[in-house]
Amino acid sequence: MEAQQLQDLLRSHLDNMPTKARRVVEYLLTHMREAAFISIGDVADRLEVSKAQMVRVARVLGFEGYADLKEALKEAVLEQVNPAARLNRVMNDENDLPDKIHQMEHANLDDTWNQLSQDKITLFCDIVKKAQNIYCTGWGISSMVAESMFSRFREMALNGILMKRGSLTLIEQARGIKPEDMVIACDLPGYAIQVTESVERAKKNGAAIVSITDSPAAPICRFADLSFYVSDNSPTFGSSLIGPIFLVHVLTSILSISLGEKAQEALEDQAQCLHDERIYHPVFGLRY
């Protein structure tokens, strides 16, 4: 079942539901991705209803039980992040596509910004300053976010380490992570098992964990000491990187100020590299 069909089904029953059942349907409408990946017990506890109530709602909606409803939720979520399905939906409106992308990216930025808080940013800076090594990891498109974070740390002379798939799996690389280290893991849909398991191993080793993802339902959030949420909606490909990269830019910019002279000296040293004609073409008025 496509996401739009499932949403229409949920809305069509909303007005006729008693209070507790309505609460369940409203939650499913507004937290579809989250509900698709957590247990019936977790949803019931969150909404303060019984599991039996959840099953009754599923049957009213036309499903045999909550397990079938959850399967429909998963299918809808996967359809939302499937790039081929997304492209198929917009092919008939290709003339409007640039405007849609423009509007959607502005919404991604606003939504990512609205999910940030000063307390979270301060805690992030505190964790980074205490860490001996800062491991940045992700899978697929999420690895681009991890690499962006890693490069910013290196520019500030922090001991950033990019943990990506290569001759060793992520899980193998996570074995050497120590309690004095931290891991920043980005995991956008679909969620990668190797990222989850490597984060779990790092947590078991005693490291601090910071997650960057789109939803509290993402598996890595179970192990995170601090979670940042981004909006990554895209009308074509599975995830847009505008929101996640914006978050990296905000966090590392504030961190650079928090580090004070240490970051200033590192960035001045980094700026000298731009004048190295073995690497860069000489350009008048170089800025960094």
Protein backbone atom coordinates (compact mmCIF):
# COMPACT_ATOMS: atom_id res chain seq x y z
CA MET A 1 0.00 0.00 0.00
CA GLU A 2 1.36 3.42 -0.99
CA ALA A 3 1.85 6.09 1.67
CA GLN A 4 -0.89 8.32 0.28
CA GLN A 5 -3.40 5.45 0.21
CA LEU A 6 -2.61 4.53 3.80
CA GLN A 7 -2.88 8.15 4.94
CA ASP A 8 -6.25 8.47 3.18
CA LEU A 9 -7.43 5.27 4.90
CA LEU A 10 -6.40 6.56 8.32
CA ARG A 11 -8.03 9.97 7.76
CA SER A 12 -11.28 8.41 6.53
CA HIS A 13 -11.80 6.71 9.92
CA LEU A 14 -10.56 9.56 12.09
CA ASP A 15 -13.84 11.37 12.76
CA ASN A 16 -15.76 8.22 13.72
CA MET A 17 -13.24 6.88 16.24
CA PRO A 18 -13.69 7.03 20.04
CA THR A 19 -11.12 9.07 21.97
CA LYS A 20 -8.42 6.43 22.56
CA ALA A 21 -8.71 4.95 19.09
CA ARG A 22 -8.55 8.43 17.60
CA ARG A 23 -5.34 9.05 19.55
CA VAL A 24 -3.84 5.96 17.92
CA VAL A 25 -4.86 6.99 14.40
CA GLU A 26 -3.57 10.54 14.87
CA TYR A 27 -0.24 9.13 16.04
CA LEU A 28 0.00 6.82 13.02
CA LEU A 29 -0.70 9.75 10.70
CA THR A 30 1.90 12.06 12.21
CA HIS A 31 4.55 9.47 13.12
CA MET A 32 4.23 6.93 10.33
CA ARG A 33 7.96 6.29 9.98
CA GLU A 34 8.45 5.94 13.72
CA ALA A 35 5.46 3.59 14.13
CA ALA A 36 6.76 1.37 11.33
CA PHE A 37 9.89 0.46 13.25
CA ILE A 38 8.88 0.21 16.92
CA SER A 39 6.91 -2.51 18.68
CA ILE A 40 3.19 -2.49 19.44
CA GLY A 41 4.08 -2.32 23.14
CA ASP A 42 6.20 0.81 22.67
CA VAL A 43 3.41 2.54 20.74
CA ALA A 44 0.81 1.51 23.33
CA ASP A 45 2.96 2.79 26.21
CA ARG A 46 3.61 6.07 24.44
CA LEU A 47 -0.10 6.65 23.82
CA GLU A 48 -1.21 5.21 27.18
CA VAL A 49 -3.53 2.69 25.57
CA SER A 50 -3.62 -1.12 25.73
CA LYS A 51 -2.24 -3.49 23.12
CA ALA A 52 -5.78 -4.78 22.70
CA GLN A 53 -6.86 -1.25 21.78
CA MET A 54 -4.13 -1.15 19.13
CA VAL A 55 -5.36 -4.43 17.66
CA ARG A 56 -8.98 -3.18 17.62
CA VAL A 57 -7.93 -0.05 15.73
CA ALA A 58 -6.08 -2.16 13.17
CA ARG A 59 -9.19 -4.29 12.61
CA VAL A 60 -11.44 -1.25 12.25
CA LEU A 61 -9.05 -0.05 9.54
CA GLY A 62 -9.53 -3.34 7.70
CA PHE A 63 -6.40 -5.25 8.78
CA GLU A 64 -6.44 -8.70 10.39
CA GLY A 65 -4.35 -7.40 13.27
CA TYR A 66 -1.72 -4.86 14.26
CA ALA A 67 1.07 -6.91 12.65
CA ASP A 68 -0.58 -6.45 9.24
CA LEU A 69 -1.06 -2.73 9.87
CA LYS A 70 2.61 -2.41 10.84
CA GLU A 71 3.62 -4.22 7.65
CA ALA A 72 1.57 -1.70 5.64
CA LEU A 73 3.32 1.13 7.50
CA LYS A 74 6.72 -0.35 6.60
CA GLU A 75 5.74 -0.69 2.94
CA ALA A 76 4.55 2.92 2.89
CA VAL A 77 7.78 4.17 4.47
CA LEU A 78 9.97 2.15 2.09
CA GLU A 79 7.95 3.45 -0.85
CA GLN A 80 8.60 6.99 0.37
CA VAL A 81 12.39 6.47 0.35
CA ASN A 82 12.50 4.43 -2.87
CA PRO A 83 14.07 6.73 -5.51
CA ALA A 84 12.43 4.90 -8.43
CA ALA A 85 9.00 5.25 -6.86
CA ARG A 86 9.62 8.92 -6.13
CA LEU A 87 10.73 9.60 -9.69
CA ASN A 88 7.69 7.78 -11.07
CA ARG A 89 5.38 10.02 -9.04
CA VAL A 90 6.86 13.28 -10.35
CA MET A 91 7.38 12.33 -14.01
CA ASN A 92 3.98 13.71 -14.99
CA ASP A 93 4.76 17.04 -13.31
CA GLU A 94 8.31 17.52 -14.54
CA ASN A 95 7.71 21.19 -15.40
CA ASP A 96 6.93 21.91 -11.75
CA LEU A 97 9.76 19.79 -10.38
CA PRO A 98 12.35 22.58 -9.90
CA ASP A 99 9.81 24.61 -7.92
CA LYS A 100 8.89 21.56 -5.83
CA ILE A 101 12.54 20.88 -5.03
CA HIS A 102 13.09 24.54 -4.14
CA GLN A 103 10.10 24.55 -1.78
CA MET A 104 11.00 21.19 -0.28
CA GLU A 105 14.60 22.15 0.45
CA HIS A 106 13.48 25.33 2.20
CA ALA A 107 11.15 23.16 4.27
CA ASN A 108 14.02 20.74 5.00
CA LEU A 109 16.16 23.60 6.28
CA ASP A 110 13.37 25.06 8.42
CA ASP A 111 12.42 21.69 9.87
CA THR A 112 16.04 20.79 10.66
CA TRP A 113 16.53 24.19 12.29
CA ASN A 114 13.36 23.87 14.37
CA GLN A 115 14.55 20.54 15.78
CA LEU A 116 17.80 22.09 17.05
CA SER A 117 18.19 23.48 20.55
CA GLN A 118 20.91 25.45 22.27
CA ASP A 119 21.15 22.79 24.98
CA LYS A 120 21.86 20.09 22.40
CA ILE A 121 24.47 22.23 20.65
CA THR A 122 26.21 22.99 23.95
CA LEU A 123 26.22 19.31 24.91
CA PHE A 124 27.65 18.41 21.50
CA CYS A 125 30.52 20.87 21.95
CA ASP A 126 31.21 19.54 25.46
CA ILE A 127 31.36 15.93 24.26
CA VAL A 128 33.67 16.80 21.36
CA LYS A 129 36.07 18.75 23.58
CA LYS A 130 36.38 15.80 25.98
CA ALA A 131 36.91 13.18 23.25
CA GLN A 132 40.35 11.86 22.40
CA ASN A 133 39.30 10.50 19.00
CA ILE A 134 36.16 11.44 17.06
CA TYR A 135 34.94 8.67 14.79
CA CYS A 136 32.57 9.75 12.00
CA THR A 137 30.62 7.02 10.25
CA GLY A 138 27.74 6.41 7.86
CA TRP A 139 26.69 4.16 5.00
CA GLY A 140 25.79 5.07 1.44
CA ILE A 141 24.57 8.65 1.14
CA SER A 142 24.92 9.07 4.92
CA SER A 143 28.68 8.57 4.59
CA MET A 144 28.82 11.92 2.75
CA VAL A 145 27.48 13.62 5.86
CA ALA A 146 29.99 11.74 8.00
CA GLU A 147 32.84 12.78 5.70
CA SER A 148 31.75 16.41 5.83
CA MET A 149 31.82 16.30 9.63
CA PHE A 150 35.21 14.54 9.60
CA SER A 151 36.78 17.14 7.30
CA ARG A 152 35.60 19.99 9.54
CA PHE A 153 37.17 18.33 12.59
CA ARG A 154 40.47 17.91 10.75
CA GLU A 155 40.41 21.56 9.68
CA MET A 156 40.12 22.50 13.37
CA ALA A 157 43.06 20.18 14.26
CA LEU A 158 40.78 17.76 16.10
CA ASN A 159 41.51 14.06 15.84
CA GLY A 160 38.67 13.14 13.52
CA ILE A 161 38.69 9.62 12.07
CA LEU A 162 36.52 8.65 9.11
CA MET A 163 35.12 5.17 9.61
CA LYS A 164 33.86 3.89 6.26
CA ARG A 165 33.57 0.55 4.54
CA GLY A 166 36.75 -0.67 2.89
CA SER A 167 39.14 -3.52 3.63
CA LEU A 168 37.50 -3.77 7.07
CA THR A 169 33.80 -3.72 7.89
CA LEU A 170 32.49 -0.94 10.12
CA ILE A 171 32.00 -3.47 12.91
CA GLU A 172 35.66 -4.55 12.69
CA GLN A 173 36.80 -0.93 12.81
CA ALA A 174 34.62 -0.26 15.86
CA ARG A 175 36.53 -2.82 17.94
CA GLY A 176 39.33 -0.36 18.66
CA ILE A 177 37.09 2.46 19.90
CA LYS A 178 37.87 3.36 23.53
CA PRO A 179 35.83 4.88 26.41
CA GLU A 180 37.59 8.24 25.91
CA ASP A 181 36.46 8.36 22.26
CA MET A 182 33.19 9.43 20.66
CA VAL A 183 31.29 8.29 17.59
CA ILE A 184 29.17 10.52 15.36
CA ALA A 185 26.96 8.25 13.28
CA CYS A 186 24.74 9.46 10.45
CA ASP A 187 22.07 7.02 9.30
CA LEU A 188 19.37 8.18 6.90
CA PRO A 189 16.78 5.73 5.49
CA GLY A 190 17.18 2.92 4.71
CA TYR A 191 18.91 2.27 7.96
CA ALA A 192 22.13 0.26 7.63
CA ILE A 193 22.68 -2.78 9.85
CA GLN A 194 26.46 -2.30 9.85
CA VAL A 195 26.09 1.24 11.17
CA THR A 196 23.74 0.08 13.94
CA GLU A 197 25.99 -2.82 14.96
CA SER A 198 29.19 -0.74 14.89
CA VAL A 199 27.53 1.94 17.04
CA GLU A 200 26.31 -0.76 19.43
CA ARG A 201 29.88 -2.09 19.71
CA ALA A 202 31.28 1.41 20.33
CA LYS A 203 28.66 1.99 23.03
CA LYS A 204 29.58 -1.33 24.65
CA ASN A 205 33.21 -0.17 24.62
CA GLY A 206 32.19 2.91 26.61
CA ALA A 207 32.37 5.60 23.90
CA ALA A 208 29.98 8.56 23.72
CA ILE A 209 27.53 8.27 20.81
CA VAL A 210 26.00 11.13 18.80
CA SER A 211 23.44 10.22 16.14
CA ILE A 212 22.27 12.19 13.12
CA THR A 213 19.14 10.76 11.54
CA ASP A 214 15.63 11.62 10.44
CA SER A 215 13.55 10.01 13.19
CA PRO A 216 13.71 8.76 16.79
CA ALA A 217 12.69 5.40 15.31
CA ALA A 218 16.10 4.99 13.64
CA PRO A 219 17.84 1.95 15.20
CA ILE A 220 21.01 3.86 16.15
CA CYS A 221 19.01 6.14 18.46
CA ARG A 222 18.79 3.28 20.98
CA PHE A 223 22.50 3.69 21.69
CA ALA A 224 22.84 7.47 21.38
CA ASP A 225 23.77 9.79 24.24
CA LEU A 226 22.71 12.70 22.03
CA SER A 227 20.50 12.61 18.93
CA PHE A 228 20.06 15.25 16.23
CA TYR A 229 17.13 14.98 13.83
CA VAL A 230 17.14 16.32 10.28
CA SER A 231 14.58 16.65 7.52
CA ASP A 232 15.72 14.91 4.33
CA ASN A 233 12.60 14.88 2.13
CA SER A 234 13.15 14.65 -1.61
CA PRO A 235 10.69 14.32 -4.51
CA THR A 236 13.11 12.10 -6.45
CA PHE A 237 16.05 10.47 -4.69
CA GLY A 238 15.67 8.75 -1.33
CA SER A 239 17.18 11.47 0.83
CA SER A 240 18.23 15.07 0.36
CA LEU A 241 21.52 16.10 1.97
CA ILE A 242 20.66 19.79 2.33
CA GLY A 243 19.25 19.46 5.87
CA PRO A 244 21.98 17.12 7.17
CA ILE A 245 24.84 19.20 5.71
CA PHE A 246 23.23 22.34 7.14
CA LEU A 247 23.26 20.68 10.57
CA VAL A 248 26.96 19.81 10.18
CA HIS A 249 27.68 23.41 9.19
CA VAL A 250 25.84 24.82 12.22
CA LEU A 251 27.39 22.41 14.73
CA THR A 252 30.96 22.75 13.50
CA SER A 253 30.72 26.54 13.14
CA ILE A 254 29.59 26.93 16.75
CA LEU A 255 32.23 24.39 17.83
CA SER A 256 34.96 26.44 16.15
CA ILE A 257 33.96 29.47 18.22
CA SER A 258 33.72 27.37 21.37
CA LEU A 259 37.26 26.06 20.82
CA GLY A 260 38.60 29.62 20.72
CA GLU A 261 42.28 30.15 19.91
CA LYS A 262 42.92 26.47 19.22
CA ALA A 263 40.49 26.48 16.29
CA GLN A 264 41.63 29.92 15.15
CA GLU A 265 45.25 28.79 14.89
CA ALA A 266 44.26 25.59 13.11
CA LEU A 267 42.14 27.43 10.55
CA GLU A 268 44.91 29.95 9.92
CA ASP A 269 47.30 27.07 9.32
CA GLN A 270 44.74 25.41 7.04
CA ALA A 271 44.40 28.64 5.07
CA GLN A 272 48.10 28.49 4.21
CA CYS A 273 47.46 25.24 2.32
CA LEU A 274 45.39 27.21 -0.18
CA HIS A 275 48.58 28.99 -1.24
CA ASP A 276 50.39 25.70 -1.88
CA GLU A 277 50.72 25.67 -5.67
CA ARG A 278 51.47 21.94 -5.63
CA ILE A 279 47.80 21.49 -4.72
CA TYR A 280 45.85 24.57 -5.82
CA HIS A 281 46.01 26.92 -8.78
CA PRO A 282 47.20 30.38 -7.73
CA VAL A 283 44.18 32.65 -7.47
CA PHE A 284 44.11 36.32 -6.49
CA GLY A 285 42.25 37.12 -3.28
CA LEU A 286 42.08 33.62 -1.85
CA ARG A 287 39.79 33.41 1.12
CA TYR A 288 39.13 30.66 3.60
